[in-house]
Amino acid sequence: MDLWLKELGPSTELCKWFSQELAKWKEFQVRYRKELRDETRALTLLKQKSKKHTVALMYGARDEKHNGALPLKRILEDRKQ
């Protein structure tokens, strides 16, 4: 790993609120996207890196289908178009 953009991860407060409760998943994604709006510089850098290199999005949740990497992946995919 040569770059870690910690600021692109969901905030501690948001993770605590979500607490892997699947009923909160949709709202988690909305709140996380709002957090990311302030991180345009880091998102731009990640987008640039993803065009030239393979990018691994890491997450600490045990659930592969409900974690912070998935909304971030969708944002990156949207920005590539």
Protein backbone atom coordinates (compact mmCIF):
# COMPACT_ATOMS: atom_id res chain seq x y z
CA MET A 1 0.00 0.00 0.00
CA ASP A 2 1.49 3.31 -1.00
CA LEU A 3 -1.40 5.67 -0.27
CA TRP A 4 -3.97 5.76 2.50
CA LEU A 5 -6.71 8.38 2.26
CA LYS A 6 -8.12 7.98 5.74
CA GLU A 7 -10.38 11.00 5.26
CA LEU A 8 -12.40 9.03 2.70
CA GLY A 9 -13.56 6.49 5.26
CA PRO A 10 -16.86 6.95 7.08
CA SER A 11 -16.52 8.94 10.28
CA THR A 12 -16.36 7.18 13.63
CA GLU A 13 -19.67 8.80 14.57
CA LEU A 14 -21.36 7.47 11.43
CA CYS A 15 -19.98 3.97 11.99
CA LYS A 16 -21.18 3.96 15.58
CA TRP A 17 -24.62 5.17 14.49
CA PHE A 18 -24.85 2.48 11.78
CA SER A 19 -23.54 -0.28 14.03
CA GLN A 20 -24.05 -2.78 11.18
CA GLU A 21 -27.83 -2.58 11.61
CA LEU A 22 -29.11 -3.51 8.17
CA ALA A 23 -32.28 -1.46 8.64
CA LYS A 24 -30.03 1.63 8.63
CA TRP A 25 -28.08 0.68 5.48
CA LYS A 26 -29.84 3.04 3.05
CA GLU A 27 -29.57 5.97 5.45
CA PHE A 28 -25.93 5.12 6.14
CA GLN A 29 -25.18 5.46 2.43
CA VAL A 30 -26.93 8.84 2.26
CA ARG A 31 -25.06 10.15 5.30
CA TYR A 32 -21.74 8.81 4.08
CA ARG A 33 -22.17 10.48 0.70
CA LYS A 34 -22.83 13.75 2.53
CA GLU A 35 -19.60 13.32 4.48
CA LEU A 36 -17.69 12.71 1.25
CA ARG A 37 -18.92 15.97 -0.30
CA ASP A 38 -16.32 17.80 1.77
CA GLU A 39 -13.52 15.53 0.54
CA THR A 40 -13.41 16.57 -3.12
CA ARG A 41 -9.62 16.86 -3.15
CA ALA A 42 -9.08 13.33 -1.82
CA LEU A 43 -11.80 11.92 -4.11
CA THR A 44 -10.18 13.57 -7.13
CA LEU A 45 -6.81 12.09 -6.19
CA LEU A 46 -8.33 8.64 -5.75
CA LYS A 47 -10.12 8.92 -9.09
CA GLN A 48 -6.86 9.85 -10.81
CA LYS A 49 -5.05 6.92 -9.19
CA SER A 50 -7.84 4.52 -10.17
CA LYS A 51 -7.47 5.44 -13.84
CA LYS A 52 -3.82 4.36 -13.88
CA HIS A 53 -3.61 1.68 -11.19
CA THR A 54 -5.62 -0.96 -9.44
CA VAL A 55 -7.13 0.55 -6.30
CA ALA A 56 -8.07 -1.54 -3.27
CA LEU A 57 -10.82 -0.17 -1.06
CA MET A 58 -10.50 -1.55 2.43
CA TYR A 59 -13.11 -1.75 5.16
CA GLY A 60 -13.29 -3.00 8.71
CA ALA A 61 -16.81 -4.44 8.66
CA ARG A 62 -17.34 -8.17 8.51
CA ASP A 63 -20.26 -7.80 6.13
CA GLU A 64 -19.10 -7.82 2.50
CA LYS A 65 -22.42 -6.43 1.25
CA HIS A 66 -22.89 -3.58 3.74
CA ASN A 67 -19.72 -1.57 4.34
CA GLY A 68 -18.22 1.83 3.61
CA ALA A 69 -16.20 0.65 0.61
CA LEU A 70 -19.32 -0.02 -1.48
CA PRO A 71 -20.73 3.55 -1.60
CA LEU A 72 -17.20 4.85 -2.23
CA LYS A 73 -16.78 2.38 -5.10
CA ARG A 74 -20.05 3.59 -6.64
CA ILE A 75 -18.94 7.20 -6.37
CA LEU A 76 -15.66 6.39 -8.10
CA GLU A 77 -17.46 4.51 -10.85
CA ASP A 78 -19.87 7.45 -11.36
CA ARG A 79 -16.96 9.90 -11.60
CA LYS A 80 -15.20 7.81 -14.28
CA GLN A 81 -18.01 8.39 -16.75
